[in-house]
Protein backbone atom coordinates (compact mmCIF):
# COMPACT_ATOMS: atom_id res chain seq x y z
CA UNK A 1 0.06 0.00 -0.03
CA UNK A 2 1.49 3.47 -0.94
CA UNK A 3 2.42 5.77 1.97
CA UNK A 4 0.17 8.56 0.68
CA UNK A 5 -3.03 6.33 0.63
CA UNK A 6 -4.90 6.04 3.93
CA UNK A 7 -5.02 2.58 5.56
CA UNK A 8 -8.89 2.34 5.82
CA UNK A 9 -9.70 3.58 2.34
CA UNK A 10 -13.16 2.83 1.25
CA UNK A 11 -13.78 1.67 -2.35
CA UNK A 12 -16.82 3.80 -3.54
CA UNK A 13 -16.92 1.73 -6.71
CA UNK A 14 -17.83 -1.34 -4.74
CA UNK A 15 -21.21 -2.98 -5.53
CA UNK A 16 -22.45 -2.06 -2.06
CA UNK A 17 -22.52 1.70 -3.12
CA UNK A 18 -24.72 3.47 -5.62
CA UNK A 19 -25.06 7.07 -6.95
CA UNK A 20 -28.24 8.55 -5.27
CA UNK A 21 -30.13 10.62 -7.87
CA UNK A 22 -32.00 12.72 -5.34
CA UNK A 23 -28.93 13.57 -3.12
CA UNK A 24 -26.44 13.53 -5.98
CA UNK A 25 -23.83 11.56 -4.00
CA UNK A 26 -22.30 8.04 -3.65
CA UNK A 27 -24.23 6.21 -0.80
CA UNK A 28 -24.15 2.76 0.66
CA UNK A 29 -27.27 0.78 -0.46
CA UNK A 30 -27.96 -0.22 3.22
CA UNK A 31 -28.18 3.48 4.23
CA UNK A 32 -30.69 4.12 1.55
CA UNK A 33 -32.85 1.15 2.81
CA UNK A 34 -32.59 2.33 6.42
CA UNK A 35 -33.65 5.84 5.54
CA UNK A 36 -36.78 4.42 3.89
CA UNK A 37 -37.45 2.25 6.83
CA UNK A 38 -37.02 5.04 9.24
CA UNK A 39 -39.31 7.47 7.49
CA UNK A 40 -42.64 7.98 9.14
CA UNK A 41 -44.95 10.76 8.22
CA UNK A 42 -46.51 10.93 11.75
CA UNK A 43 -43.31 11.01 13.75
CA UNK A 44 -42.41 14.42 15.29
CA UNK A 45 -39.09 15.68 13.86
CA UNK A 46 -37.03 18.79 13.40
CA UNK A 47 -38.11 20.62 10.15
CA UNK A 48 -34.59 20.24 8.62
CA UNK A 49 -34.31 16.49 9.32
CA UNK A 50 -37.91 15.97 8.02
CA UNK A 51 -37.34 17.79 4.83
CA UNK A 52 -34.18 15.83 4.18
CA UNK A 53 -35.58 12.33 4.51
CA UNK A 54 -38.96 13.04 3.16
CA UNK A 55 -37.37 12.43 -0.25
CA UNK A 56 -36.51 8.89 0.69
CA UNK A 57 -40.09 7.86 1.41
CA UNK A 58 -41.35 7.60 -2.27
CA UNK A 59 -38.06 7.20 -4.06
CA UNK A 60 -38.20 4.97 -7.09
CA UNK A 61 -34.58 4.24 -7.10
CA UNK A 62 -34.72 3.34 -3.43
CA UNK A 63 -37.54 0.86 -4.15
CA UNK A 64 -35.36 -0.81 -6.70
CA UNK A 65 -32.39 -0.94 -4.36
CA UNK A 66 -34.63 -2.37 -1.56
CA UNK A 67 -35.66 -5.27 -3.89
CA UNK A 68 -32.05 -5.84 -5.06
CA UNK A 69 -30.77 -6.01 -1.42
CA UNK A 70 -33.67 -8.17 -0.45
CA UNK A 71 -34.67 -5.82 2.42
CA UNK A 72 -38.28 -5.47 1.85
CA UNK A 73 -40.18 -4.24 4.89
CA UNK A 74 -41.96 -6.78 7.10
CA UNK A 75 -45.82 -6.79 6.94
CA UNK A 76 -48.05 -4.73 9.15
CA UNK A 77 -47.82 -5.84 12.75
CA UNK A 78 -44.46 -7.77 12.24
CA UNK A 79 -40.94 -6.80 13.07
CA UNK A 80 -37.49 -8.01 12.33
CA UNK A 81 -35.37 -9.07 15.43
CA UNK A 82 -31.99 -7.27 15.56
CA UNK A 83 -30.27 -10.31 17.19
CA UNK A 84 -31.65 -13.36 15.29
CA UNK A 85 -32.86 -11.61 12.14
CA UNK A 86 -36.28 -13.40 12.26
CA UNK A 87 -39.49 -11.62 11.30
CA UNK A 88 -41.86 -12.07 14.26
CA UNK A 89 -45.25 -10.56 15.31
CA UNK A 90 -45.22 -7.51 17.59
CA UNK A 91 -46.24 -9.72 20.55
CA UNK A 92 -42.87 -11.42 20.40
CA UNK A 93 -41.23 -8.03 21.40
CA UNK A 94 -41.24 -6.25 24.60
CA UNK A 95 -42.84 -2.76 24.86
CA UNK A 96 -40.47 0.04 24.54
CA UNK A 97 -42.00 3.60 24.75
CA UNK A 98 -39.21 5.56 23.19
CA UNK A 99 -39.00 3.66 19.86
CA UNK A 100 -41.10 4.53 16.72
CA UNK A 101 -43.18 1.39 16.78
CA UNK A 102 -43.25 1.21 20.58
CA UNK A 103 -41.48 -2.19 20.55
CA UNK A 104 -37.97 -3.30 21.58
CA UNK A 105 -35.52 -4.11 18.78
CA UNK A 106 -34.63 -7.52 20.16
CA UNK A 107 -37.27 -10.21 20.61
CA UNK A 108 -38.13 -11.63 24.00
CA UNK A 109 -36.57 -14.93 23.30
CA UNK A 110 -33.15 -13.52 22.27
CA UNK A 111 -33.30 -11.12 25.17
CA UNK A 112 -34.02 -14.01 27.62
CA UNK A 113 -31.15 -15.92 26.20
CA UNK A 114 -28.88 -12.91 26.50
CA UNK A 115 -29.72 -12.61 30.25
CA UNK A 116 -29.39 -16.24 30.90
CA UNK A 117 -25.87 -16.10 29.43
CA UNK A 118 -25.14 -12.96 31.57
CA UNK A 119 -26.36 -14.57 34.76
CA UNK A 120 -24.31 -17.69 34.14
CA UNK A 121 -21.15 -15.53 33.64
CA UNK A 122 -21.80 -13.61 36.70
CA UNK A 123 -22.27 -16.79 38.73
CA UNK A 124 -19.01 -18.18 37.49
CA UNK A 125 -16.97 -15.11 38.33
CA UNK A 126 -15.09 -15.28 41.62
CA UNK A 127 -16.46 -13.30 44.60
CA UNK A 128 -14.22 -10.40 45.62
CA UNK A 129 -13.60 -9.69 49.31
CA UNK A 130 -12.91 -6.22 50.83
CA UNK A 131 -9.20 -5.30 50.96
CA UNK A 132 -9.39 -4.13 54.52
CA UNK A 133 -7.66 -6.63 56.72
CA UNK A 134 -10.15 -8.73 58.74
CA UNK A 135 -13.28 -7.34 57.11
CA UNK A 136 -14.39 -10.25 54.90
CA UNK A 137 -17.33 -8.70 53.34
CA UNK A 138 -18.16 -8.60 49.64
CA UNK A 139 -16.63 -5.78 47.55
CA UNK A 140 -18.94 -2.95 46.38
CA UNK A 141 -16.48 -0.60 44.65
CA UNK A 142 -12.78 0.28 44.64
CA UNK A 143 -11.94 -3.01 46.40
CA UNK A 144 -13.97 -1.97 49.55
CA UNK A 145 -17.22 -3.39 51.14
CA UNK A 146 -20.19 -1.07 51.45
CA UNK A 147 -19.27 0.16 55.03
CA UNK A 148 -15.66 1.06 54.13
CA UNK A 149 -16.61 2.48 50.83
CA UNK A 150 -19.05 4.85 52.50
CA UNK A 151 -16.51 5.87 54.93
CA UNK A 152 -13.93 6.50 52.18
CA UNK A 153 -16.67 8.42 50.26
CA UNK A 154 -17.44 10.52 53.20
CA UNK A 155 -13.77 11.25 53.75
CA UNK A 156 -13.56 9.56 57.23
CA UNK A 157 -11.48 6.66 56.19
CA UNK A 158 -8.63 5.87 53.86
CA UNK A 159 -6.06 3.21 52.83
CA UNK A 160 -2.57 4.04 53.80
CA UNK A 161 0.80 2.36 53.19
CA UNK A 162 2.49 0.81 56.12
CA UNK A 163 6.28 0.74 56.70
CA UNK A 164 6.53 -2.92 55.94
CA UNK A 165 4.95 -2.43 52.46
CA UNK A 166 1.49 -3.37 53.46
CA UNK A 167 -1.75 -1.50 53.30
CA UNK A 168 -3.94 -0.60 56.31
CA UNK A 169 -7.29 1.08 56.78
CA UNK A 170 -7.13 4.35 58.84
CA UNK A 171 -10.25 6.22 60.20
CA UNK A 172 -9.70 9.88 59.81
CA UNK A 173 -12.00 12.07 62.01
CA UNK A 174 -12.36 15.60 60.91
């Protein structure tokens, strides 16, 4: 690779790009499909953003690209899961008030599997013990249990180095 060429150069002549007739620029085909999917005439938007993507709603070139990419929109009342990629009915997705369709992006089955794996990973991790000698409580943060952490946070306790190279907890009363 020549020295004057950037390392992560993008080939705009690749078949994943096309020249958009409306915006007069090279664009990734997937971005065109996403813009069409995001367009919702009833959604509240800033006037600039609305005017910018309204053109994507009824774009003939975009429809052809959507068919070419194979990304036709799921039927009414169905949604594609972001994790498994399956098209499922809305009932298979948890409610999510801040999304456009008021449903979560991941189906309940995939989300449950994720939390099962996360819980198993957490179960298998070793339990950390407070670094204060003789305490024996579980760690909350900074290697300290809840009581010692709250003392440290309030400024009435701190770890100090001892002469023999060890560490010791000292209460500091103000």
